[in-house]
Full PDB file with SEQRES, HELIX, SHEET, SSBOND, CRYST1, ORIGX, SCALE, CONECT and MASTER records, all heavy atoms in Angstrom:
SEQRES   1 A   37  ALA HIS LEU ILE LEU LYS LYS GLN TRP LYS GLU ILE PHE          
SEQRES   2 A   37  HIS VAL ARG TRP ILE LEU PHE LEU LEU ILE VAL LEU VAL          
SEQRES   3 A   37  ILE LEU SER PRO MET LEU SER ASP LEU PHE ILE                  
HELIX    1 AA1 HIS A    2  LEU A    5  1                                   4    
HELIX    2 AA2 TRP A    9  ILE A   12  1                                   4    
HELIX    3 AA3 ARG A   16  PHE A   36  1                                  21    
CRYST1    1.000    1.000    1.000  90.00  90.00  90.00 P 1           1          
ORIGX1      1.000000  0.000000  0.000000        0.00000                         
ORIGX2      0.000000  1.000000  0.000000        0.00000                         
ORIGX3      0.000000  0.000000  1.000000        0.00000                         
SCALE1      1.000000  0.000000  0.000000        0.00000                         
SCALE2      0.000000  1.000000  0.000000        0.00000                         
SCALE3      0.000000  0.000000  1.000000        0.00000                         
ATOM      1  N   ALA A   1      33.641  15.475 -15.094  1.00  0.00           N  
ATOM      2  CA  ALA A   1      34.901  16.184 -15.176  1.00  0.00           C  
ATOM      3  C   ALA A   1      35.048  16.755 -16.622  1.00  0.00           C  
ATOM      4  O   ALA A   1      35.481  17.813 -16.781  1.00  0.00           O  
ATOM      5  CB  ALA A   1      36.080  15.193 -14.822  1.00  0.00           C  
ATOM      6  N   HIS A   2      34.698  15.825 -17.588  1.00  0.00           N  
ATOM      7  CA  HIS A   2      34.722  16.336 -19.024  1.00  0.00           C  
ATOM      8  C   HIS A   2      33.840  17.546 -19.249  1.00  0.00           C  
ATOM      9  O   HIS A   2      34.323  18.618 -19.860  1.00  0.00           O  
ATOM     10  CB  HIS A   2      34.338  15.204 -19.894  1.00  0.00           C  
ATOM     11  CG  HIS A   2      34.258  15.621 -21.362  1.00  0.00           C  
ATOM     12  ND1 HIS A   2      35.317  15.761 -22.219  1.00  0.00           N  
ATOM     13  CD2 HIS A   2      33.068  15.860 -22.100  1.00  0.00           C  
ATOM     14  CE1 HIS A   2      34.881  16.140 -23.380  1.00  0.00           C  
ATOM     15  NE2 HIS A   2      33.541  16.164 -23.365  1.00  0.00           N  
ATOM     16  N   LEU A   3      32.631  17.597 -18.704  1.00  0.00           N  
ATOM     17  CA  LEU A   3      31.673  18.631 -18.974  1.00  0.00           C  
ATOM     18  C   LEU A   3      32.090  19.930 -18.274  1.00  0.00           C  
ATOM     19  O   LEU A   3      31.958  21.039 -18.745  1.00  0.00           O  
ATOM     20  CB  LEU A   3      30.306  18.217 -18.616  1.00  0.00           C  
ATOM     21  CG  LEU A   3      29.611  17.072 -19.378  1.00  0.00           C  
ATOM     22  CD1 LEU A   3      28.242  16.716 -18.866  1.00  0.00           C  
ATOM     23  CD2 LEU A   3      29.658  17.514 -20.844  1.00  0.00           C  
ATOM     24  N   ILE A   4      32.681  19.727 -17.041  1.00  0.00           N  
ATOM     25  CA  ILE A   4      33.132  20.842 -16.296  1.00  0.00           C  
ATOM     26  C   ILE A   4      34.377  21.551 -16.959  1.00  0.00           C  
ATOM     27  O   ILE A   4      34.373  22.703 -17.155  1.00  0.00           O  
ATOM     28  CB  ILE A   4      33.503  20.471 -14.822  1.00  0.00           C  
ATOM     29  CG1 ILE A   4      32.251  20.102 -14.021  1.00  0.00           C  
ATOM     30  CG2 ILE A   4      34.284  21.570 -14.140  1.00  0.00           C  
ATOM     31  CD1 ILE A   4      32.499  19.520 -12.732  1.00  0.00           C  
ATOM     32  N   LEU A   5      35.292  20.737 -17.482  1.00  0.00           N  
ATOM     33  CA  LEU A   5      36.466  21.355 -18.110  1.00  0.00           C  
ATOM     34  C   LEU A   5      35.991  21.982 -19.424  1.00  0.00           C  
ATOM     35  O   LEU A   5      36.682  22.967 -19.809  1.00  0.00           O  
ATOM     36  CB  LEU A   5      37.468  20.168 -18.406  1.00  0.00           C  
ATOM     37  CG  LEU A   5      38.211  19.570 -17.221  1.00  0.00           C  
ATOM     38  CD1 LEU A   5      39.065  18.353 -17.615  1.00  0.00           C  
ATOM     39  CD2 LEU A   5      39.066  20.643 -16.530  1.00  0.00           C  
ATOM     40  N   LYS A   6      35.037  21.445 -20.088  1.00  0.00           N  
ATOM     41  CA  LYS A   6      34.587  22.089 -21.320  1.00  0.00           C  
ATOM     42  C   LYS A   6      33.476  23.229 -21.036  1.00  0.00           C  
ATOM     43  O   LYS A   6      33.061  23.873 -21.973  1.00  0.00           O  
ATOM     44  CB  LYS A   6      33.837  21.029 -22.161  1.00  0.00           C  
ATOM     45  CG  LYS A   6      34.813  19.955 -22.727  1.00  0.00           C  
ATOM     46  CD  LYS A   6      35.769  20.544 -23.692  1.00  0.00           C  
ATOM     47  CE  LYS A   6      36.671  19.418 -24.297  1.00  0.00           C  
ATOM     48  NZ  LYS A   6      37.666  19.942 -25.269  1.00  0.00           N  
ATOM     49  N   LYS A   7      33.174  23.402 -19.787  1.00  0.00           N  
ATOM     50  CA  LYS A   7      32.278  24.435 -19.320  1.00  0.00           C  
ATOM     51  C   LYS A   7      30.874  24.256 -19.951  1.00  0.00           C  
ATOM     52  O   LYS A   7      30.252  25.231 -20.307  1.00  0.00           O  
ATOM     53  CB  LYS A   7      32.778  25.853 -19.537  1.00  0.00           C  
ATOM     54  CG  LYS A   7      34.132  26.114 -18.837  1.00  0.00           C  
ATOM     55  CD  LYS A   7      34.561  27.589 -19.072  1.00  0.00           C  
ATOM     56  CE  LYS A   7      35.819  27.806 -18.289  1.00  0.00           C  
ATOM     57  NZ  LYS A   7      36.381  29.197 -18.445  1.00  0.00           N  
ATOM     58  N   GLN A   8      30.530  23.006 -20.128  1.00  0.00           N  
ATOM     59  CA  GLN A   8      29.157  22.763 -20.667  1.00  0.00           C  
ATOM     60  C   GLN A   8      28.208  22.521 -19.573  1.00  0.00           C  
ATOM     61  O   GLN A   8      27.665  21.421 -19.346  1.00  0.00           O  
ATOM     62  CB  GLN A   8      29.336  21.490 -21.575  1.00  0.00           C  
ATOM     63  CG  GLN A   8      30.275  21.634 -22.790  1.00  0.00           C  
ATOM     64  CD  GLN A   8      30.325  20.379 -23.652  1.00  0.00           C  
ATOM     65  OE1 GLN A   8      30.230  19.251 -23.164  1.00  0.00           O  
ATOM     66  NE2 GLN A   8      30.549  20.621 -24.941  1.00  0.00           N  
ATOM     67  N   TRP A   9      27.871  23.638 -18.924  1.00  0.00           N  
ATOM     68  CA  TRP A   9      27.020  23.591 -17.753  1.00  0.00           C  
ATOM     69  C   TRP A   9      25.571  23.084 -18.066  1.00  0.00           C  
ATOM     70  O   TRP A   9      25.022  22.345 -17.264  1.00  0.00           O  
ATOM     71  CB  TRP A   9      26.913  24.971 -17.046  1.00  0.00           C  
ATOM     72  CG  TRP A   9      28.282  25.567 -16.911  1.00  0.00           C  
ATOM     73  CD1 TRP A   9      28.787  26.683 -17.511  1.00  0.00           C  
ATOM     74  CD2 TRP A   9      29.343  25.132 -16.016  1.00  0.00           C  
ATOM     75  NE1 TRP A   9      29.982  26.967 -17.098  1.00  0.00           N  
ATOM     76  CE2 TRP A   9      30.430  26.051 -16.250  1.00  0.00           C  
ATOM     77  CE3 TRP A   9      29.461  24.074 -15.163  1.00  0.00           C  
ATOM     78  CZ2 TRP A   9      31.658  25.792 -15.512  1.00  0.00           C  
ATOM     79  CZ3 TRP A   9      30.657  23.858 -14.500  1.00  0.00           C  
ATOM     80  CH2 TRP A   9      31.714  24.749 -14.642  1.00  0.00           C  
ATOM     81  N   LYS A  10      25.102  23.394 -19.187  1.00  0.00           N  
ATOM     82  CA  LYS A  10      23.696  22.983 -19.568  1.00  0.00           C  
ATOM     83  C   LYS A  10      23.587  21.494 -19.718  1.00  0.00           C  
ATOM     84  O   LYS A  10      22.579  20.897 -19.405  1.00  0.00           O  
ATOM     85  CB  LYS A  10      23.213  23.744 -20.842  1.00  0.00           C  
ATOM     86  CG  LYS A  10      22.949  25.203 -20.694  1.00  0.00           C  
ATOM     87  CD  LYS A  10      22.483  25.842 -21.934  1.00  0.00           C  
ATOM     88  CE  LYS A  10      22.125  27.320 -21.736  1.00  0.00           C  
ATOM     89  NZ  LYS A  10      21.676  27.953 -23.013  1.00  0.00           N  
ATOM     90  N   GLU A  11      24.699  20.922 -20.174  1.00  0.00           N  
ATOM     91  CA  GLU A  11      24.694  19.447 -20.377  1.00  0.00           C  
ATOM     92  C   GLU A  11      24.654  18.729 -19.057  1.00  0.00           C  
ATOM     93  O   GLU A  11      24.100  17.672 -18.969  1.00  0.00           O  
ATOM     94  CB  GLU A  11      25.984  19.050 -21.136  1.00  0.00           C  
ATOM     95  CG  GLU A  11      26.015  19.451 -22.601  1.00  0.00           C  
ATOM     96  CD  GLU A  11      25.019  18.589 -23.406  1.00  0.00           C  
ATOM     97  OE1 GLU A  11      24.447  17.641 -22.890  1.00  0.00           O  
ATOM     98  OE2 GLU A  11      24.829  18.876 -24.647  1.00  0.00           O  
ATOM     99  N   ILE A  12      25.289  19.270 -18.024  1.00  0.00           N  
ATOM    100  CA  ILE A  12      25.306  18.663 -16.765  1.00  0.00           C  
ATOM    101  C   ILE A  12      23.944  18.490 -16.146  1.00  0.00           C  
ATOM    102  O   ILE A  12      23.602  17.466 -15.492  1.00  0.00           O  
ATOM    103  CB  ILE A  12      26.254  19.426 -15.743  1.00  0.00           C  
ATOM    104  CG1 ILE A  12      27.746  19.471 -16.247  1.00  0.00           C  
ATOM    105  CG2 ILE A  12      26.236  18.915 -14.316  1.00  0.00           C  
ATOM    106  CD1 ILE A  12      28.696  20.217 -15.436  1.00  0.00           C  
ATOM    107  N   PHE A  13      23.145  19.519 -16.279  1.00  0.00           N  
ATOM    108  CA  PHE A  13      21.827  19.528 -15.625  1.00  0.00           C  
ATOM    109  C   PHE A  13      20.720  19.276 -16.645  1.00  0.00           C  
ATOM    110  O   PHE A  13      19.518  19.628 -16.355  1.00  0.00           O  
ATOM    111  CB  PHE A  13      21.620  20.937 -14.933  1.00  0.00           C  
ATOM    112  CG  PHE A  13      22.578  21.215 -13.893  1.00  0.00           C  
ATOM    113  CD1 PHE A  13      23.599  22.157 -14.202  1.00  0.00           C  
ATOM    114  CD2 PHE A  13      22.591  20.574 -12.722  1.00  0.00           C  
ATOM    115  CE1 PHE A  13      24.606  22.473 -13.209  1.00  0.00           C  
ATOM    116  CE2 PHE A  13      23.528  20.894 -11.747  1.00  0.00           C  
ATOM    117  CZ  PHE A  13      24.553  21.819 -12.009  1.00  0.00           C  
ATOM    118  N   HIS A  14      20.958  18.697 -17.733  1.00  0.00           N  
ATOM    119  CA  HIS A  14      19.976  18.458 -18.787  1.00  0.00           C  
ATOM    120  C   HIS A  14      19.070  17.371 -18.303  1.00  0.00           C  
ATOM    121  O   HIS A  14      19.462  16.332 -17.691  1.00  0.00           O  
ATOM    122  CB  HIS A  14      20.639  18.037 -20.122  1.00  0.00           C  
ATOM    123  CG  HIS A  14      19.773  18.174 -21.252  1.00  0.00           C  
ATOM    124  ND1 HIS A  14      18.710  17.333 -21.523  1.00  0.00           N  
ATOM    125  CD2 HIS A  14      19.761  19.116 -22.297  1.00  0.00           C  
ATOM    126  CE1 HIS A  14      18.073  17.694 -22.671  1.00  0.00           C  
ATOM    127  NE2 HIS A  14      18.702  18.791 -23.128  1.00  0.00           N  
ATOM    128  N   VAL A  15      17.779  17.450 -18.651  1.00  0.00           N  
ATOM    129  CA  VAL A  15      16.734  16.531 -18.212  1.00  0.00           C  
ATOM    130  C   VAL A  15      16.991  15.165 -18.774  1.00  0.00           C  
ATOM    131  O   VAL A  15      16.430  14.108 -18.209  1.00  0.00           O  
ATOM    132  CB  VAL A  15      15.358  17.043 -18.526  1.00  0.00           C  
ATOM    133  CG1 VAL A  15      15.139  17.066 -20.054  1.00  0.00           C  
ATOM    134  CG2 VAL A  15      14.206  16.246 -17.820  1.00  0.00           C  
ATOM    135  N   ARG A  16      17.671  14.973 -19.805  1.00  0.00           N  
ATOM    136  CA  ARG A  16      17.949  13.641 -20.489  1.00  0.00           C  
ATOM    137  C   ARG A  16      18.554  12.672 -19.530  1.00  0.00           C  
ATOM    138  O   ARG A  16      18.388  11.511 -19.683  1.00  0.00           O  
ATOM    139  CB  ARG A  16      18.717  13.811 -21.753  1.00  0.00           C  
ATOM    140  CG  ARG A  16      20.210  14.090 -21.638  1.00  0.00           C  
ATOM    141  CD  ARG A  16      20.954  13.863 -22.869  1.00  0.00           C  
ATOM    142  NE  ARG A  16      20.708  14.865 -23.766  1.00  0.00           N  
ATOM    143  CZ  ARG A  16      21.396  16.045 -23.928  1.00  0.00           C  
ATOM    144  NH1 ARG A  16      22.408  16.312 -23.160  1.00  0.00           N  
ATOM    145  NH2 ARG A  16      21.040  16.840 -24.963  1.00  0.00           N  
ATOM    146  N   TRP A  17      19.277  13.224 -18.521  1.00  0.00           N  
ATOM    147  CA  TRP A  17      19.982  12.297 -17.626  1.00  0.00           C  
ATOM    148  C   TRP A  17      18.960  11.544 -16.726  1.00  0.00           C  
ATOM    149  O   TRP A  17      19.326  10.502 -16.251  1.00  0.00           O  
ATOM    150  CB  TRP A  17      21.082  12.986 -16.746  1.00  0.00           C  
ATOM    151  CG  TRP A  17      22.051  13.667 -17.690  1.00  0.00           C  
ATOM    152  CD1 TRP A  17      22.393  14.978 -17.757  1.00  0.00           C  
ATOM    153  CD2 TRP A  17      22.920  13.014 -18.649  1.00  0.00           C  
ATOM    154  NE1 TRP A  17      23.294  15.220 -18.687  1.00  0.00           N  
ATOM    155  CE2 TRP A  17      23.686  14.044 -19.282  1.00  0.00           C  
ATOM    156  CE3 TRP A  17      23.095  11.686 -19.025  1.00  0.00           C  
ATOM    157  CZ2 TRP A  17      24.629  13.799 -20.219  1.00  0.00           C  
ATOM    158  CZ3 TRP A  17      24.071  11.475 -20.095  1.00  0.00           C  
ATOM    159  CH2 TRP A  17      24.781  12.470 -20.619  1.00  0.00           C  
ATOM    160  N   ILE A  18      17.807  12.151 -16.577  1.00  0.00           N  
ATOM    161  CA  ILE A  18      16.754  11.350 -15.868  1.00  0.00           C  
ATOM    162  C   ILE A  18      16.413  10.126 -16.602  1.00  0.00           C  
ATOM    163  O   ILE A  18      16.186   9.034 -16.118  1.00  0.00           O  
ATOM    164  CB  ILE A  18      15.586  12.267 -15.551  1.00  0.00           C  
ATOM    165  CG1 ILE A  18      15.968  13.432 -14.691  1.00  0.00           C  
ATOM    166  CG2 ILE A  18      14.416  11.528 -14.950  1.00  0.00           C  
ATOM    167  CD1 ILE A  18      14.881  14.474 -14.373  1.00  0.00           C  
ATOM    168  N   LEU A  19      16.141  10.319 -17.927  1.00  0.00           N  
ATOM    169  CA  LEU A  19      15.865   9.184 -18.860  1.00  0.00           C  
ATOM    170  C   LEU A  19      17.051   8.168 -18.737  1.00  0.00           C  
ATOM    171  O   LEU A  19      16.732   6.966 -18.690  1.00  0.00           O  
ATOM    172  CB  LEU A  19      15.647   9.707 -20.268  1.00  0.00           C  
ATOM    173  CG  LEU A  19      15.447   8.665 -21.297  1.00  0.00           C  
ATOM    174  CD1 LEU A  19      14.211   7.760 -21.004  1.00  0.00           C  
ATOM    175  CD2 LEU A  19      15.383   9.258 -22.701  1.00  0.00           C  
ATOM    176  N   PHE A  20      18.196   8.652 -18.732  1.00  0.00           N  
ATOM    177  CA  PHE A  20      19.418   7.766 -18.605  1.00  0.00           C  
ATOM    178  C   PHE A  20      19.305   6.903 -17.463  1.00  0.00           C  
ATOM    179  O   PHE A  20      19.469   5.676 -17.537  1.00  0.00           O  
ATOM    180  CB  PHE A  20      20.637   8.654 -18.635  1.00  0.00           C  
ATOM    181  CG  PHE A  20      21.944   7.887 -18.710  1.00  0.00           C  
ATOM    182  CD1 PHE A  20      22.563   7.637 -19.963  1.00  0.00           C  
ATOM    183  CD2 PHE A  20      22.514   7.449 -17.591  1.00  0.00           C  
ATOM    184  CE1 PHE A  20      23.730   6.881 -19.999  1.00  0.00           C  
ATOM    185  CE2 PHE A  20      23.741   6.683 -17.657  1.00  0.00           C  
ATOM    186  CZ  PHE A  20      24.341   6.473 -18.859  1.00  0.00           C  
ATOM    187  N   LEU A  21      19.011   7.516 -16.235  1.00  0.00           N  
ATOM    188  CA  LEU A  21      18.916   6.700 -15.042  1.00  0.00           C  
ATOM    189  C   LEU A  21      17.750   5.799 -15.088  1.00  0.00           C  
ATOM    190  O   LEU A  21      17.776   4.586 -14.490  1.00  0.00           O  
ATOM    191  CB  LEU A  21      18.779   7.702 -13.808  1.00  0.00           C  
ATOM    192  CG  LEU A  21      19.955   8.581 -13.587  1.00  0.00           C  
ATOM    193  CD1 LEU A  21      19.753   9.548 -12.414  1.00  0.00           C  
ATOM    194  CD2 LEU A  21      21.270   7.660 -13.209  1.00  0.00           C  
ATOM    195  N   LEU A  22      16.641   6.111 -15.665  1.00  0.00           N  
ATOM    196  CA  LEU A  22      15.544   5.293 -15.717  1.00  0.00           C  
ATOM    197  C   LEU A  22      15.766   4.002 -16.552  1.00  0.00           C  
ATOM    198  O   LEU A  22      15.467   2.904 -16.155  1.00  0.00           O  
ATOM    199  CB  LEU A  22      14.340   6.003 -16.390  1.00  0.00           C  
ATOM    200  CG  LEU A  22      13.677   7.030 -15.527  1.00  0.00           C  
ATOM    201  CD1 LEU A  22      12.554   7.805 -16.205  1.00  0.00           C  
ATOM    202  CD2 LEU A  22      13.036   6.407 -14.212  1.00  0.00           C  
ATOM    203  N   ILE A  23      16.536   4.211 -17.664  1.00  0.00           N  
ATOM    204  CA  ILE A  23      16.932   3.027 -18.530  1.00  0.00           C  
ATOM    205  C   ILE A  23      17.912   2.142 -17.674  1.00  0.00           C  
ATOM    206  O   ILE A  23      17.796   0.922 -17.672  1.00  0.00           O  
ATOM    207  CB  ILE A  23      17.673   3.581 -19.762  1.00  0.00           C  
ATOM    208  CG1 ILE A  23      16.641   4.340 -20.653  1.00  0.00           C  
ATOM    209  CG2 ILE A  23      18.237   2.337 -20.554  1.00  0.00           C  
ATOM    210  CD1 ILE A  23      17.367   4.998 -21.814  1.00  0.00           C  
ATOM    211  N   VAL A  24      18.824   2.719 -16.963  1.00  0.00           N  
ATOM    212  CA  VAL A  24      19.677   1.970 -16.102  1.00  0.00           C  
ATOM    213  C   VAL A  24      18.882   1.184 -15.043  1.00  0.00           C  
ATOM    214  O   VAL A  24      19.195  -0.069 -14.830  1.00  0.00           O  
ATOM    215  CB  VAL A  24      20.675   2.850 -15.394  1.00  0.00           C  
ATOM    216  CG1 VAL A  24      21.498   2.126 -14.364  1.00  0.00           C  
ATOM    217  CG2 VAL A  24      21.697   3.558 -16.430  1.00  0.00           C  
ATOM    218  N   LEU A  25      17.873   1.800 -14.499  1.00  0.00           N  
ATOM    219  CA  LEU A  25      17.058   1.018 -13.463  1.00  0.00           C  
ATOM    220  C   LEU A  25      16.368  -0.176 -14.135  1.00  0.00           C  
ATOM    221  O   LEU A  25      16.231  -1.206 -13.495  1.00  0.00           O  
ATOM    222  CB  LEU A  25      16.040   2.015 -12.879  1.00  0.00           C  
ATOM    223  CG  LEU A  25      16.570   2.968 -11.811  1.00  0.00           C  
ATOM    224  CD1 LEU A  25      15.499   3.941 -11.399  1.00  0.00           C  
ATOM    225  CD2 LEU A  25      17.111   2.207 -10.552  1.00  0.00           C  
ATOM    226  N   VAL A  26      15.833   0.039 -15.310  1.00  0.00           N  
ATOM    227  CA  VAL A  26      15.266  -1.044 -16.058  1.00  0.00           C  
ATOM    228  C   VAL A  26      16.165  -2.191 -16.310  1.00  0.00           C  
ATOM    229  O   VAL A  26      15.784  -3.332 -16.100  1.00  0.00           O  
ATOM    230  CB  VAL A  26      14.660  -0.665 -17.434  1.00  0.00           C  
ATOM    231  CG1 VAL A  26      14.197  -1.807 -18.235  1.00  0.00           C  
ATOM    232  CG2 VAL A  26      13.509   0.387 -17.242  1.00  0.00           C  
ATOM    233  N   ILE A  27      17.395  -1.910 -16.600  1.00  0.00           N  
ATOM    234  CA  ILE A  27      18.400  -2.955 -16.811  1.00  0.00           C  
ATOM    235  C   ILE A  27      18.746  -3.615 -15.458  1.00  0.00           C  
ATOM    236  O   ILE A  27      18.985  -4.845 -15.408  1.00  0.00           O  
ATOM    237  CB  ILE A  27      19.698  -2.328 -17.426  1.00  0.00           C  
ATOM    238  CG1 ILE A  27      19.396  -1.777 -18.786  1.00  0.00           C  
ATOM    239  CG2 ILE A  27      20.869  -3.384 -17.477  1.00  0.00           C  
ATOM    240  CD1 ILE A  27      20.436  -0.957 -19.373  1.00  0.00           C  
ATOM    241  N   LEU A  28      18.719  -2.878 -14.400  1.00  0.00           N  
ATOM    242  CA  LEU A  28      19.027  -3.457 -13.104  1.00  0.00           C  
ATOM    243  C   LEU A  28      17.805  -4.180 -12.455  1.00  0.00           C  
ATOM    244  O   LEU A  28      17.934  -4.862 -11.397  1.00  0.00           O  
ATOM    245  CB  LEU A  28      19.437  -2.286 -12.078  1.00  0.00           C  
ATOM    246  CG  LEU A  28      20.762  -1.625 -12.414  1.00  0.00           C  
ATOM    247  CD1 LEU A  28      20.933  -0.478 -11.387  1.00  0.00           C  
ATOM    248  CD2 LEU A  28      21.909  -2.511 -12.387  1.00  0.00           C  
ATOM    249  N   SER A  29      16.618  -4.027 -13.015  1.00  0.00           N  
ATOM    250  CA  SER A  29      15.376  -4.645 -12.511  1.00  0.00           C  
ATOM    251  C   SER A  29      15.504  -6.074 -12.086  1.00  0.00           C  
ATOM    252  O   SER A  29      14.962  -6.504 -11.015  1.00  0.00           O  
ATOM    253  CB  SER A  29      14.205  -4.409 -13.364  1.00  0.00           C  
ATOM    254  OG  SER A  29      14.360  -4.952 -14.632  1.00  0.00           O  
ATOM    255  N   PRO A  30      16.115  -6.972 -13.000  1.00  0.00           N  
ATOM    256  CA  PRO A  30      16.214  -8.383 -12.463  1.00  0.00           C  
ATOM    257  C   PRO A  30      16.965  -8.549 -11.161  1.00  0.00           C  
ATOM    258  O   PRO A  30      16.491  -9.356 -10.287  1.00  0.00           O  
ATOM    259  CB  PRO A  30      16.960  -9.059 -13.622  1.00  0.00           C  
ATOM    260  CG  PRO A  30      16.682  -8.183 -14.810  1.00  0.00           C  
ATOM    261  CD  PRO A  30      16.702  -6.850 -14.248  1.00  0.00           C  
ATOM    262  N   MET A  31      18.073  -7.814 -10.988  1.00  0.00           N  
ATOM    263  CA  MET A  31      18.839  -7.896  -9.735  1.00  0.00           C  
ATOM    264  C   MET A  31      18.052  -7.278  -8.563  1.00  0.00           C  
ATOM    265  O   MET A  31      17.985  -7.843  -7.426  1.00  0.00           O  
ATOM    266  CB  MET A  31      20.183  -7.193  -9.918  1.00  0.00           C  
ATOM    267  CG  MET A  31      21.043  -7.230  -8.619  1.00  0.00           C  
ATOM    268  SD  MET A  31      22.553  -6.320  -8.798  1.00  0.00           S  
ATOM    269  CE  MET A  31      21.950  -4.624  -8.845  1.00  0.00           C  
ATOM    270  N   LEU A  32      17.336  -6.137  -8.843  1.00  0.00           N  
ATOM    271  CA  LEU A  32      16.597  -5.487  -7.789  1.00  0.00           C  
ATOM    272  C   LEU A  32      15.484  -6.289  -7.333  1.00  0.00           C  
ATOM    273  O   LEU A  32      15.093  -6.416  -6.120  1.00  0.00           O  
ATOM    274  CB  LEU A  32      16.184  -4.139  -8.233  1.00  0.00           C  
ATOM    275  CG  LEU A  32      17.226  -3.142  -8.540  1.00  0.00           C  
ATOM    276  CD1 LEU A  32      16.661  -1.853  -9.194  1.00  0.00           C  
ATOM    277  CD2 LEU A  32      18.139  -2.854  -7.400  1.00  0.00           C  
ATOM    278  N   SER A  33      14.771  -7.034  -8.244  1.00  0.00           N  
ATOM    279  CA  SER A  33      13.669  -7.821  -7.891  1.00  0.00           C  
ATOM    280  C   SER A  33      14.081  -9.003  -7.026  1.00  0.00           C  
ATOM    281  O   SER A  33      13.455  -9.433  -6.064  1.00  0.00           O  
ATOM    282  CB  SER A  33      12.910  -8.363  -9.194  1.00  0.00           C  
ATOM    283  OG  SER A  33      13.800  -9.232  -9.934  1.00  0.00           O  
ATOM    284  N   ASP A  34      15.314  -9.579  -7.439  1.00  0.00           N  
ATOM    285  CA  ASP A  34      15.843 -10.578  -6.608  1.00  0.00           C  
ATOM    286  C   ASP A  34      16.181 -10.229  -5.144  1.00  0.00           C  
ATOM    287  O   ASP A  34      15.813 -10.873  -4.149  1.00  0.00           O  
ATOM    288  CB  ASP A  34      17.074 -11.191  -7.239  1.00  0.00           C  
ATOM    289  CG  ASP A  34      17.835 -12.234  -6.352  1.00  0.00           C  
ATOM    290  OD1 ASP A  34      17.134 -13.071  -5.800  1.00  0.00           O  
ATOM    291  OD2 ASP A  34      19.024 -12.217  -6.376  1.00  0.00           O  
ATOM    292  N   LEU A  35      16.664  -8.944  -5.054  1.00  0.00           N  
ATOM    293  CA  LEU A  35      17.025  -8.441  -3.683  1.00  0.00           C  
ATOM    294  C   LEU A  35      15.720  -8.234  -2.906  1.00  0.00           C  
ATOM    295  O   LEU A  35      15.784  -8.525  -1.744  1.00  0.00           O  
ATOM    296  CB  LEU A  35      17.715  -7.073  -3.823  1.00  0.00           C  
ATOM    297  CG  LEU A  35      19.187  -7.246  -4.302  1.00  0.00           C  
ATOM    298  CD1 LEU A  35      19.841  -5.836  -4.539  1.00  0.00           C  
ATOM    299  CD2 LEU A  35      20.049  -7.984  -3.280  1.00  0.00           C  
ATOM    300  N   PHE A  36      14.717  -7.758  -3.565  1.00  0.00           N  
ATOM    301  CA  PHE A  36      13.377  -7.472  -2.917  1.00  0.00           C  
ATOM    302  C   PHE A  36      12.861  -8.844  -2.356  1.00  0.00           C  
ATOM    303  O   PHE A  36      12.307  -8.891  -1.212  1.00  0.00           O  
ATOM    304  CB  PHE A  36      12.393  -6.894  -3.912  1.00  0.00           C  
ATOM    305  CG  PHE A  36      11.071  -6.562  -3.307  1.00  0.00           C  
ATOM    306  CD1 PHE A  36      10.899  -5.507  -2.359  1.00  0.00           C  
ATOM    307  CD2 PHE A  36       9.996  -7.284  -3.634  1.00  0.00           C  
ATOM    308  CE1 PHE A  36       9.667  -5.274  -1.854  1.00  0.00           C  
ATOM    309  CE2 PHE A  36       8.706  -7.033  -3.133  1.00  0.00           C  
ATOM    310  CZ  PHE A  36       8.620  -5.956  -2.192  1.00  0.00           C  
ATOM    311  N   ILE A  37      12.819  -9.835  -3.221  1.00  0.00           N  
ATOM    312  CA  ILE A  37      12.358 -11.204  -2.775  1.00  0.00           C  
ATOM    313  C   ILE A  37      13.176 -11.710  -1.567  1.00  0.00           C  
ATOM    314  O   ILE A  37      12.499 -12.244  -0.574  1.00  0.00           O  
ATOM    315  CB  ILE A  37      12.471 -12.129  -3.960  1.00  0.00           C  
ATOM    316  CG1 ILE A  37      11.445 -11.786  -5.053  1.00  0.00           C  
ATOM    317  CG2 ILE A  37      12.105 -13.623  -3.511  1.00  0.00           C  
ATOM    318  CD1 ILE A  37      11.601 -12.590  -6.301  1.00  0.00           C  
TER     319      ILE A  37                                                      
MASTER        0    0    0    3    0    0    0    6  318    1    0    3          
END                                                                             
């Protein structure tokens, strides 16, 4: 919502958010490994 209101379209689709999600997945890995087991 913030980026849309500011019309910062390039920020919305920036490749850095893929890195962001990968870091989040690493943090979630203990829980995900437990679910897998």
